[in-house]
N, C-alpha and C. Protein backbone atom coordinates (compact mmCIF):
# COMPACT_ATOMS: atom_id res chain seq x y z
N GLN A 1 81.77 41.07 -48.81
CA GLN A 1 82.45 39.80 -49.07
C GLN A 1 81.61 38.64 -48.56
N VAL A 2 81.49 37.62 -49.38
CA VAL A 2 80.72 36.43 -49.02
C VAL A 2 81.59 35.21 -49.23
N GLU A 3 81.67 34.36 -48.26
CA GLU A 3 82.37 33.08 -48.40
C GLU A 3 81.34 31.97 -48.46
N LEU A 4 81.54 31.06 -49.40
CA LEU A 4 80.60 29.97 -49.62
C LEU A 4 81.31 28.64 -49.44
N VAL A 5 80.69 27.74 -48.71
CA VAL A 5 81.27 26.42 -48.47
C VAL A 5 80.23 25.35 -48.78
N GLU A 6 80.53 24.54 -49.79
CA GLU A 6 79.62 23.46 -50.18
C GLU A 6 79.93 22.18 -49.39
N SER A 7 78.91 21.36 -49.25
CA SER A 7 79.08 20.05 -48.62
C SER A 7 77.99 19.12 -49.15
N GLY A 8 78.17 17.82 -48.91
CA GLY A 8 77.14 16.85 -49.25
C GLY A 8 77.41 16.01 -50.48
N GLY A 9 78.51 16.28 -51.16
CA GLY A 9 78.83 15.47 -52.33
C GLY A 9 79.25 14.07 -51.94
N GLY A 10 79.42 13.21 -52.95
CA GLY A 10 79.85 11.85 -52.68
C GLY A 10 79.72 10.96 -53.89
N LEU A 11 79.94 9.66 -53.64
CA LEU A 11 79.82 8.64 -54.68
C LEU A 11 78.54 7.85 -54.44
N VAL A 12 77.67 7.83 -55.45
CA VAL A 12 76.40 7.11 -55.33
C VAL A 12 76.15 6.33 -56.62
N GLN A 13 75.20 5.40 -56.53
CA GLN A 13 74.80 4.66 -57.72
C GLN A 13 73.69 5.40 -58.45
N ALA A 14 73.56 5.09 -59.72
CA ALA A 14 72.49 5.69 -60.51
C ALA A 14 71.14 5.42 -59.85
N GLY A 15 70.30 6.44 -59.84
CA GLY A 15 68.99 6.34 -59.22
C GLY A 15 68.93 6.81 -57.79
N ALA A 16 70.08 7.02 -57.19
CA ALA A 16 70.13 7.45 -55.80
C ALA A 16 69.88 8.96 -55.69
N SER A 17 69.90 9.42 -54.45
CA SER A 17 69.68 10.84 -54.16
C SER A 17 70.82 11.38 -53.33
N LEU A 18 71.05 12.68 -53.48
CA LEU A 18 72.00 13.41 -52.64
C LEU A 18 71.43 14.78 -52.37
N ARG A 19 71.84 15.34 -51.24
CA ARG A 19 71.45 16.71 -50.91
C ARG A 19 72.72 17.51 -50.67
N LEU A 20 72.93 18.50 -51.52
CA LEU A 20 74.06 19.41 -51.35
C LEU A 20 73.63 20.60 -50.52
N SER A 21 74.56 21.09 -49.71
CA SER A 21 74.32 22.30 -48.94
C SER A 21 75.43 23.30 -49.25
N CYS A 22 75.10 24.56 -49.13
CA CYS A 22 76.07 25.64 -49.31
C CYS A 22 75.83 26.66 -48.21
N ALA A 23 76.78 26.76 -47.32
CA ALA A 23 76.69 27.70 -46.21
C ALA A 23 77.42 28.98 -46.56
N ALA A 24 76.77 30.11 -46.34
CA ALA A 24 77.33 31.41 -46.66
C ALA A 24 77.66 32.19 -45.41
N SER A 25 78.78 32.90 -45.45
CA SER A 25 79.14 33.79 -44.35
C SER A 25 78.47 35.13 -44.58
N GLY A 26 78.54 36.00 -43.60
CA GLY A 26 78.03 37.35 -43.79
C GLY A 26 76.61 37.53 -43.34
N ARG A 27 76.19 38.78 -43.22
CA ARG A 27 74.88 39.11 -42.68
C ARG A 27 73.88 39.53 -43.74
N THR A 28 74.29 39.46 -45.02
CA THR A 28 73.42 39.95 -46.08
C THR A 28 73.05 38.86 -47.07
N PHE A 29 72.92 37.65 -46.58
CA PHE A 29 72.63 36.52 -47.45
C PHE A 29 71.37 36.75 -48.28
N SER A 30 70.37 37.39 -47.69
CA SER A 30 69.11 37.61 -48.40
C SER A 30 69.22 38.64 -49.51
N SER A 31 70.37 39.29 -49.64
CA SER A 31 70.59 40.24 -50.73
C SER A 31 71.09 39.56 -52.00
N TYR A 32 71.33 38.27 -51.92
CA TYR A 32 71.93 37.54 -53.03
C TYR A 32 70.99 36.49 -53.58
N ALA A 33 70.86 36.50 -54.91
CA ALA A 33 70.33 35.31 -55.56
C ALA A 33 71.43 34.25 -55.51
N MET A 34 71.02 32.99 -55.43
CA MET A 34 71.99 31.91 -55.30
C MET A 34 71.82 30.92 -56.45
N GLY A 35 72.95 30.40 -56.89
CA GLY A 35 72.91 29.44 -57.99
C GLY A 35 73.78 28.24 -57.71
N TRP A 36 73.43 27.14 -58.37
CA TRP A 36 74.27 25.96 -58.41
C TRP A 36 74.71 25.73 -59.86
N PHE A 37 75.98 25.46 -60.00
CA PHE A 37 76.56 25.16 -61.31
C PHE A 37 77.37 23.88 -61.17
N ARG A 38 77.73 23.28 -62.28
CA ARG A 38 78.56 22.08 -62.24
C ARG A 38 79.53 22.07 -63.39
N GLN A 39 80.62 21.36 -63.19
CA GLN A 39 81.64 21.25 -64.21
C GLN A 39 82.18 19.83 -64.24
N ALA A 40 81.98 19.17 -65.36
CA ALA A 40 82.51 17.84 -65.57
C ALA A 40 83.88 17.93 -66.22
N PRO A 41 84.71 16.91 -66.09
CA PRO A 41 86.05 16.95 -66.68
C PRO A 41 85.99 17.23 -68.18
N GLY A 42 86.80 18.20 -68.60
CA GLY A 42 86.88 18.53 -70.02
C GLY A 42 85.72 19.35 -70.54
N LYS A 43 84.83 19.76 -69.66
CA LYS A 43 83.66 20.53 -70.10
C LYS A 43 83.63 21.88 -69.40
N GLU A 44 82.86 22.79 -69.97
CA GLU A 44 82.70 24.10 -69.36
C GLU A 44 81.73 24.02 -68.17
N ARG A 45 81.87 24.98 -67.29
CA ARG A 45 80.94 25.06 -66.17
C ARG A 45 79.54 25.38 -66.71
N GLU A 46 78.54 24.68 -66.21
CA GLU A 46 77.19 24.88 -66.71
C GLU A 46 76.21 25.13 -65.57
N PHE A 47 75.16 25.84 -65.93
CA PHE A 47 74.09 26.17 -64.99
C PHE A 47 73.31 24.93 -64.63
N VAL A 48 72.95 24.83 -63.35
CA VAL A 48 72.10 23.74 -62.88
C VAL A 48 70.77 24.28 -62.36
N ALA A 49 70.85 25.20 -61.39
CA ALA A 49 69.64 25.74 -60.79
C ALA A 49 69.97 27.05 -60.11
N ALA A 50 68.94 27.89 -59.93
CA ALA A 50 69.13 29.15 -59.23
C ALA A 50 67.84 29.51 -58.51
N ILE A 51 68.00 30.33 -57.47
CA ILE A 51 66.85 30.73 -56.67
C ILE A 51 66.96 32.20 -56.33
N SER A 52 65.84 32.89 -56.37
CA SER A 52 65.82 34.33 -56.12
C SER A 52 66.10 34.65 -54.66
N ARG A 53 66.34 35.93 -54.42
CA ARG A 53 66.61 36.40 -53.05
C ARG A 53 65.46 36.08 -52.11
N MET A 54 64.27 36.38 -52.56
CA MET A 54 63.09 36.24 -51.72
C MET A 54 62.03 35.46 -52.49
N PHE A 55 61.10 34.88 -51.77
CA PHE A 55 59.90 34.24 -52.33
C PHE A 55 60.19 32.97 -53.11
N GLY A 56 61.45 32.51 -53.12
CA GLY A 56 61.76 31.20 -53.66
C GLY A 56 61.50 30.98 -55.12
N MET A 57 61.62 32.03 -55.94
CA MET A 57 61.49 31.83 -57.39
C MET A 57 62.68 31.00 -57.85
N SER A 58 62.43 29.87 -58.49
CA SER A 58 63.50 28.95 -58.86
C SER A 58 63.56 28.72 -60.36
N TYR A 59 64.74 28.39 -60.82
CA TYR A 59 65.01 28.22 -62.25
C TYR A 59 65.92 27.01 -62.41
N TYR A 60 65.68 26.22 -63.45
CA TYR A 60 66.42 24.97 -63.62
C TYR A 60 66.89 24.79 -65.05
N ALA A 61 68.01 24.10 -65.19
CA ALA A 61 68.43 23.61 -66.50
C ALA A 61 67.48 22.50 -66.93
N ASP A 62 67.25 22.39 -68.20
CA ASP A 62 66.34 21.36 -68.71
C ASP A 62 66.80 19.96 -68.31
N SER A 63 68.10 19.77 -68.21
CA SER A 63 68.64 18.44 -67.93
C SER A 63 68.35 17.96 -66.51
N VAL A 64 67.98 18.88 -65.61
CA VAL A 64 67.73 18.48 -64.22
C VAL A 64 66.30 18.77 -63.79
N LYS A 65 65.54 19.41 -64.62
CA LYS A 65 64.17 19.79 -64.26
C LYS A 65 63.36 18.55 -63.92
N GLY A 66 62.69 18.58 -62.80
CA GLY A 66 61.89 17.44 -62.35
C GLY A 66 62.66 16.47 -61.48
N ARG A 67 63.98 16.58 -61.45
CA ARG A 67 64.80 15.69 -60.62
C ARG A 67 65.49 16.44 -59.47
N PHE A 68 65.88 17.69 -59.73
CA PHE A 68 66.60 18.49 -58.74
C PHE A 68 65.68 19.58 -58.20
N THR A 69 65.89 19.93 -56.94
CA THR A 69 65.14 21.01 -56.31
C THR A 69 66.09 21.91 -55.55
N ILE A 70 66.05 23.20 -55.85
CA ILE A 70 66.85 24.18 -55.12
C ILE A 70 65.97 24.85 -54.09
N SER A 71 66.54 25.12 -52.93
CA SER A 71 65.81 25.82 -51.87
C SER A 71 66.81 26.61 -51.05
N ARG A 72 66.31 27.52 -50.24
CA ARG A 72 67.19 28.31 -49.39
C ARG A 72 66.51 28.59 -48.06
N ASP A 73 67.35 28.77 -47.07
CA ASP A 73 66.88 29.15 -45.74
C ASP A 73 67.67 30.40 -45.36
N ASN A 74 67.05 31.56 -45.51
CA ASN A 74 67.76 32.81 -45.26
C ASN A 74 68.13 32.97 -43.79
N ALA A 75 67.38 32.35 -42.91
CA ALA A 75 67.71 32.43 -41.48
C ALA A 75 68.99 31.65 -41.16
N LYS A 76 69.27 30.64 -41.97
CA LYS A 76 70.46 29.81 -41.76
C LYS A 76 71.58 30.14 -42.74
N ASN A 77 71.37 31.13 -43.60
CA ASN A 77 72.38 31.50 -44.60
C ASN A 77 72.81 30.29 -45.44
N THR A 78 71.86 29.49 -45.84
CA THR A 78 72.18 28.24 -46.52
C THR A 78 71.28 28.03 -47.73
N VAL A 79 71.87 27.52 -48.78
CA VAL A 79 71.11 27.11 -49.96
C VAL A 79 71.35 25.62 -50.17
N TYR A 80 70.32 24.94 -50.64
CA TYR A 80 70.37 23.49 -50.80
C TYR A 80 70.09 23.10 -52.25
N LEU A 81 70.60 21.93 -52.61
CA LEU A 81 70.24 21.33 -53.88
C LEU A 81 69.91 19.86 -53.62
N GLU A 82 68.63 19.55 -53.69
CA GLU A 82 68.18 18.17 -53.53
C GLU A 82 68.22 17.52 -54.90
N MET A 83 68.98 16.43 -55.00
CA MET A 83 69.17 15.77 -56.29
C MET A 83 68.62 14.35 -56.21
N ASN A 84 67.62 14.06 -57.01
CA ASN A 84 67.00 12.74 -57.04
C ASN A 84 67.20 12.08 -58.41
N SER A 85 67.02 10.78 -58.45
CA SER A 85 67.14 10.02 -59.70
C SER A 85 68.44 10.37 -60.43
N LEU A 86 69.52 10.33 -59.70
CA LEU A 86 70.81 10.73 -60.27
C LEU A 86 71.23 9.80 -61.40
N LYS A 87 71.89 10.41 -62.38
CA LYS A 87 72.37 9.69 -63.56
C LYS A 87 73.89 9.83 -63.65
N PRO A 88 74.54 8.90 -64.34
CA PRO A 88 76.00 9.05 -64.50
C PRO A 88 76.40 10.39 -65.12
N GLU A 89 75.57 10.93 -65.98
CA GLU A 89 75.88 12.22 -66.61
C GLU A 89 75.77 13.39 -65.65
N ASP A 90 75.29 13.17 -64.44
CA ASP A 90 75.28 14.21 -63.42
C ASP A 90 76.63 14.31 -62.71
N THR A 91 77.54 13.41 -63.00
CA THR A 91 78.86 13.43 -62.38
C THR A 91 79.59 14.71 -62.73
N ALA A 92 80.03 15.43 -61.69
CA ALA A 92 80.70 16.71 -61.88
C ALA A 92 81.11 17.26 -60.52
N VAL A 93 81.88 18.33 -60.56
CA VAL A 93 82.07 19.14 -59.36
C VAL A 93 80.96 20.18 -59.35
N TYR A 94 80.27 20.26 -58.23
CA TYR A 94 79.15 21.18 -58.09
C TYR A 94 79.57 22.39 -57.27
N TYR A 95 79.27 23.57 -57.80
CA TYR A 95 79.63 24.83 -57.17
C TYR A 95 78.38 25.62 -56.84
N CYS A 96 78.38 26.26 -55.68
CA CYS A 96 77.34 27.25 -55.44
C CYS A 96 77.94 28.64 -55.64
N ALA A 97 77.09 29.58 -55.94
CA ALA A 97 77.52 30.93 -56.25
C ALA A 97 76.47 31.93 -55.79
N ALA A 98 76.95 33.15 -55.50
CA ALA A 98 76.09 34.21 -55.01
C ALA A 98 76.14 35.41 -55.95
N ASP A 99 74.97 35.96 -56.23
CA ASP A 99 74.83 37.09 -57.15
C ASP A 99 74.10 38.22 -56.43
N TRP A 100 74.81 39.32 -56.17
CA TRP A 100 74.16 40.47 -55.55
C TRP A 100 73.22 41.08 -56.57
N ILE A 101 71.93 41.15 -56.25
CA ILE A 101 70.94 41.54 -57.23
C ILE A 101 69.84 42.33 -56.55
N MET A 102 69.37 43.40 -57.21
CA MET A 102 68.32 44.23 -56.62
C MET A 102 66.95 43.55 -56.69
N ASP A 103 66.68 42.93 -57.84
CA ASP A 103 65.35 42.36 -58.04
C ASP A 103 65.20 41.09 -57.21
N TYR A 104 64.23 41.08 -56.33
CA TYR A 104 64.09 39.95 -55.42
C TYR A 104 63.41 38.75 -56.06
N ARG A 105 63.01 38.89 -57.34
CA ARG A 105 62.31 37.79 -58.00
C ARG A 105 63.19 37.01 -58.97
N LEU A 106 64.35 37.56 -59.31
CA LEU A 106 65.14 37.00 -60.40
C LEU A 106 66.37 36.25 -59.90
N ALA A 107 66.86 35.34 -60.74
CA ALA A 107 68.13 34.68 -60.50
C ALA A 107 68.70 34.30 -61.86
N SER A 108 69.96 34.59 -62.05
CA SER A 108 70.58 34.43 -63.37
C SER A 108 71.01 32.99 -63.63
N ARG A 109 71.03 32.65 -64.93
CA ARG A 109 71.56 31.35 -65.37
C ARG A 109 73.01 31.49 -65.85
N SER A 110 73.53 32.68 -65.83
CA SER A 110 74.85 32.95 -66.41
C SER A 110 75.93 32.97 -65.34
N THR A 111 77.03 32.25 -65.60
CA THR A 111 78.13 32.25 -64.65
C THR A 111 78.69 33.66 -64.44
N GLY A 112 78.65 34.47 -65.48
CA GLY A 112 79.22 35.82 -65.40
C GLY A 112 78.47 36.75 -64.48
N SER A 113 77.26 36.39 -64.10
CA SER A 113 76.47 37.26 -63.22
C SER A 113 76.86 37.10 -61.75
N TYR A 114 77.51 36.02 -61.42
CA TYR A 114 77.75 35.68 -60.02
C TYR A 114 79.06 36.25 -59.52
N ASP A 115 78.98 36.80 -58.31
CA ASP A 115 80.10 37.52 -57.73
C ASP A 115 81.01 36.65 -56.88
N TYR A 116 80.43 35.65 -56.24
CA TYR A 116 81.19 34.82 -55.31
C TYR A 116 80.92 33.36 -55.60
N TRP A 117 81.97 32.57 -55.41
CA TRP A 117 81.90 31.13 -55.71
C TRP A 117 82.49 30.31 -54.57
N GLY A 118 81.93 29.14 -54.35
CA GLY A 118 82.52 28.20 -53.42
C GLY A 118 83.61 27.39 -54.09
N GLN A 119 84.21 26.50 -53.32
CA GLN A 119 85.31 25.68 -53.81
C GLN A 119 84.82 24.45 -54.56
N GLY A 120 83.59 24.08 -54.37
CA GLY A 120 83.02 22.95 -55.09
C GLY A 120 83.00 21.68 -54.27
N THR A 121 82.08 20.79 -54.63
CA THR A 121 81.99 19.47 -54.00
C THR A 121 81.76 18.45 -55.11
N GLN A 122 82.47 17.34 -55.02
CA GLN A 122 82.43 16.34 -56.08
C GLN A 122 81.21 15.44 -55.92
N VAL A 123 80.50 15.25 -57.02
CA VAL A 123 79.40 14.29 -57.08
C VAL A 123 79.75 13.28 -58.17
N THR A 124 79.79 12.02 -57.80
CA THR A 124 80.09 10.96 -58.75
C THR A 124 78.95 9.94 -58.73
N VAL A 125 78.39 9.68 -59.90
CA VAL A 125 77.27 8.75 -60.01
C VAL A 125 77.73 7.58 -60.87
N SER A 126 77.74 6.40 -60.28
CA SER A 126 78.17 5.21 -61.01
C SER A 126 76.97 4.51 -61.65
N SER A 127 77.24 3.85 -62.75
CA SER A 127 76.14 3.17 -63.48
C SER A 127 75.95 1.74 -63.00
């Protein structure tokens, strides 16, 4: 069992930056690939970024590539999402998720692959 708690959301103006954090419980954090997803009102949850268990292999949605950076600190059981040059279309509830996976190089873009989810943190970007 893994519990995930996101933090760092807020209200910012377009062009600003935010750093989201997701703290995980448990002693097997390094066994999980981690992902960030987001859901805007009236829309389906969508992939934002993911990072492999080991060696920091990262994957991004085209809409955030070059602006967002995912990272993890396995010693702190924490995954981060650094968000720069924020746009109003980035407004959503952001969720982190954990995927138990054998391959230490891979991380899925699919919501269905993830076993555990946090409660989400709201990010609002004003124009």
